[in-house]
Amino acid sequence: MTGTTDQTVHPDGLNGHLLLSNVYNPTLVDSVFTPRLAATYTVDPNTVLRFSAGVFAQAPQTYQVQYASADNNLAYRLFQAFWQYGFTTPRHDPQVQLSNNYDLSYEHRFKGTDVSMKLTPYYRYATNQLYNIGLPFGLGGALNSEPRAPKASNSRLRKATSTATASRSCSRTRI
C-alpha cells in the first residue's frame, strides 16, 4: 500500500493544531454607524413623493454568540458541531448584520374619489446576514453569509369608505 494514511488529531493546540478551549473573553461589544435620511415632497394636495436612504443594523442574538450549559458532554458536542467551521470555544463572534436601504415612493389619491395608489420601488444591499443552521445534538447556530442585493417594488391600490377599506397589494423581489 502506498500513500499517507489519514490521521486524526486531538485539538490540543500543539504543532499548529487548533486548541479547543473554554477560555474566552465574556464581553462582546459592536459599534456601528447607521446614518439615515428621509424626505417628502408634496407635488399637489393629491400627490406625494417620498424618499429614504439609510444603513440599518441588527445585532446577533445571544444564542448565536455563546453556548453555555451544565451538560457534561458540552465540550464534545461543541467540538462535533462547530470545529468544522473553525470555532474553538463556546463563544462565536458573528458580525453585525447590515443593510443599505433605498426607496422612492409615489403616492396619489384620485381627485373626487376615495381611491388611492402607492408605488414603492426599493433597493436593499445586505451584508453579514445571519442564517440559522441545524447542528448535531439539537444545537442551533448561525453563520454570516455573503452579501445579497434584492431589488423589489411594492404597489398598492386602495379604496376607502367610512365603514371599510379594500386594498390590493403586489410585491416582486429579484435577487
Protein backbone atom coordinates (compact mmCIF):
# COMPACT_ATOMS: atom_id res chain seq x y z
CA MET A 1 0.00 0.00 0.00
CA THR A 2 1.35 3.43 -0.88
CA GLY A 3 0.43 6.96 0.16
CA THR A 4 -0.27 8.52 3.51
CA THR A 5 -2.90 7.50 5.97
CA ASP A 6 -5.42 9.91 7.40
CA GLN A 7 -4.56 10.94 10.91
CA THR A 8 -6.92 12.29 13.50
CA VAL A 9 -5.54 14.96 15.79
CA HIS A 10 -6.70 15.83 19.26
CA PRO A 11 -7.48 19.56 19.49
CA ASP A 12 -4.50 20.21 21.76
CA GLY A 13 -3.14 23.44 20.27
CA LEU A 14 0.30 21.89 19.63
CA ASN A 15 2.23 21.75 16.37
CA GLY A 16 -0.05 24.19 14.59
CA HIS A 17 -3.28 22.44 15.60
CA LEU A 18 -6.22 24.40 16.91
CA LEU A 19 -6.90 24.35 20.65
CA LEU A 20 -10.38 23.54 21.88
CA SER A 21 -10.83 25.72 24.94
CA ASN A 22 -13.38 27.03 27.40
CA VAL A 23 -11.37 30.24 27.96
CA TYR A 24 -12.68 33.32 26.16
CA ASN A 25 -13.49 36.99 26.75
CA PRO A 26 -17.08 37.16 28.12
CA THR A 27 -17.63 40.70 26.77
CA LEU A 28 -18.76 41.41 23.23
CA VAL A 29 -19.07 45.00 22.00
CA ASP A 30 -20.01 46.03 18.47
CA SER A 31 -20.40 49.63 17.35
CA VAL A 32 -21.95 50.52 14.02
CA PHE A 33 -22.66 53.93 12.46
CA THR A 34 -26.18 53.95 10.97
CA PRO A 35 -26.91 57.23 9.17
CA ARG A 36 -30.38 57.75 7.71
CA LEU A 37 -32.03 60.36 5.52
CA ALA A 38 -35.66 60.83 4.51
CA ALA A 39 -37.53 63.47 2.54
CA THR A 40 -41.11 64.13 1.49
CA TYR A 41 -42.26 66.41 -1.30
CA THR A 42 -45.90 67.33 -1.81
CA VAL A 43 -46.49 67.83 -5.52
CA ASP A 44 -50.15 68.82 -5.01
CA PRO A 45 -52.85 68.00 -2.42
CA ASN A 46 -53.35 64.57 -4.05
CA THR A 47 -49.76 63.57 -4.86
CA VAL A 48 -46.78 62.96 -2.58
CA LEU A 49 -43.25 61.78 -3.33
CA ARG A 50 -41.16 60.19 -0.58
CA PHE A 51 -37.51 59.17 -0.50
CA SER A 52 -35.48 57.44 2.17
CA ALA A 53 -32.00 56.02 2.45
CA GLY A 54 -30.18 54.56 5.37
CA VAL A 55 -27.95 51.99 6.94
CA PHE A 56 -29.68 49.60 9.31
CA ALA A 57 -28.00 47.21 11.76
CA GLN A 58 -29.17 44.16 13.66
CA ALA A 59 -27.09 42.64 16.42
CA PRO A 60 -26.73 38.86 16.70
CA GLN A 61 -28.97 37.02 19.14
CA THR A 62 -27.42 35.62 22.31
CA TYR A 63 -27.77 32.01 21.17
CA GLN A 64 -25.76 32.89 18.06
CA VAL A 65 -22.82 34.13 20.17
CA GLN A 66 -22.34 31.86 23.18
CA TYR A 67 -23.18 28.29 24.02
CA ALA A 68 -23.27 27.59 27.74
CA SER A 69 -24.85 24.67 29.53
CA ALA A 70 -24.42 22.42 32.53
CA ASP A 71 -24.26 19.49 30.12
CA ASN A 72 -21.32 17.20 30.98
CA ASN A 73 -20.81 16.45 27.27
CA LEU A 74 -21.00 20.09 26.11
CA ALA A 75 -17.33 20.21 25.05
CA TYR A 76 -17.77 17.12 22.90
CA ARG A 77 -20.98 18.45 21.37
CA LEU A 78 -19.45 21.85 20.62
CA PHE A 79 -16.39 20.19 19.14
CA GLN A 80 -18.52 17.98 16.88
CA ALA A 81 -20.82 20.83 15.85
CA PHE A 82 -18.51 23.79 15.38
CA TRP A 83 -14.98 22.53 14.75
CA GLN A 84 -15.74 22.25 11.03
CA TYR A 85 -16.47 25.99 10.96
CA GLY A 86 -13.25 26.96 12.74
CA PHE A 87 -14.74 27.70 16.17
CA THR A 88 -12.65 26.53 19.11
CA THR A 89 -14.57 27.94 22.11
CA PRO A 90 -18.23 28.13 23.19
CA ARG A 91 -18.19 31.76 22.02
CA HIS A 92 -18.70 32.59 18.36
CA ASP A 93 -18.50 36.15 17.10
CA PRO A 94 -20.96 36.62 14.26
CA GLN A 95 -20.71 40.03 12.67
CA VAL A 96 -23.48 42.60 12.97
CA GLN A 97 -25.97 42.30 10.12
CA LEU A 98 -26.04 45.44 7.97
CA SER A 99 -28.26 46.61 5.16
CA ASN A 100 -28.20 49.71 2.99
CA ASN A 101 -31.79 50.53 2.03
CA TYR A 102 -33.06 52.99 -0.57
CA ASP A 103 -36.66 53.59 -1.58
CA LEU A 104 -38.70 56.09 -3.55
CA SER A 105 -42.46 56.22 -3.12
CA TYR A 106 -45.13 57.74 -5.36
CA GLU A 107 -48.49 58.17 -3.65
CA HIS A 108 -51.56 59.52 -5.41
CA ARG A 109 -55.22 59.94 -4.44
CA PHE A 110 -57.57 60.20 -7.38
CA LYS A 111 -59.38 63.54 -7.21
CA GLY A 112 -63.00 63.39 -6.14
CA THR A 113 -62.82 59.71 -5.15
CA ASP A 114 -61.79 57.58 -2.20
CA VAL A 115 -59.34 55.58 -4.33
CA SER A 116 -55.59 55.96 -3.87
CA MET A 117 -52.49 54.22 -5.15
CA LYS A 118 -48.92 53.84 -3.98
CA LEU A 119 -45.87 52.58 -5.86
CA THR A 120 -42.63 51.96 -3.96
CA PRO A 121 -39.57 50.58 -5.73
CA TYR A 122 -36.69 49.88 -3.37
CA TYR A 123 -33.17 48.50 -3.28
CA ARG A 124 -31.53 46.72 -0.36
CA TYR A 125 -27.89 45.66 -0.14
CA ALA A 126 -27.37 43.36 2.84
CA THR A 127 -24.08 42.13 4.29
CA ASN A 128 -23.32 39.69 7.10
CA GLN A 129 -26.83 38.29 7.15
CA LEU A 130 -27.07 35.51 9.71
CA TYR A 131 -28.52 32.23 8.52
CA ASN A 132 -29.57 29.68 11.08
CA ILE A 133 -28.01 26.27 10.67
CA GLY A 134 -29.02 23.00 12.23
CA LEU A 135 -26.24 21.28 14.13
CA PRO A 136 -25.79 17.84 15.67
CA PHE A 137 -27.20 17.08 19.13
CA GLY A 138 -30.08 19.51 18.76
CA LEU A 139 -27.83 22.59 18.82
CA GLY A 140 -28.72 25.57 16.68
CA GLY A 141 -26.31 28.14 15.35
CA ALA A 142 -25.90 30.85 12.78
CA LEU A 143 -23.21 31.86 10.31
CA ASN A 144 -22.77 35.10 8.38
CA SER A 145 -23.45 34.85 4.66
CA GLU A 146 -22.20 36.59 1.57
CA PRO A 147 -23.74 39.94 0.52
CA ARG A 148 -27.21 39.95 -1.05
CA ALA A 149 -28.86 42.67 -3.11
CA PRO A 150 -32.58 42.16 -3.71
CA LYS A 151 -34.29 44.72 -5.93
CA ALA A 152 -38.02 44.96 -5.45
CA SER A 153 -41.13 47.02 -5.77
CA ASN A 154 -44.34 47.18 -3.85
CA SER A 155 -47.59 48.64 -5.14
CA ARG A 156 -50.98 49.14 -3.55
CA LEU A 157 -54.39 50.19 -4.79
CA ARG A 158 -56.76 51.22 -2.01
CA LYS A 159 -60.44 52.17 -1.83
CA ALA A 160 -61.69 53.56 1.46
CA THR A 161 -65.19 54.30 2.69
CA SER A 162 -66.43 55.40 6.08
CA THR A 163 -67.06 51.77 7.11
CA ALA A 164 -64.49 49.67 5.23
CA THR A 165 -61.23 49.70 3.35
CA ALA A 166 -60.39 47.44 0.44
CA SER A 167 -56.77 47.08 -0.51
CA ARG A 168 -54.79 45.12 -3.07
CA SER A 169 -51.01 44.82 -2.77
CA CYS A 170 -48.44 43.29 -5.03
CA SER A 171 -44.74 42.74 -4.31
CA ARG A 172 -42.00 41.49 -6.59
CA THR A 173 -38.45 40.67 -5.50
CA ARG A 174 -35.40 39.63 -7.52
CA ILE A 175 -32.13 38.53 -6.04
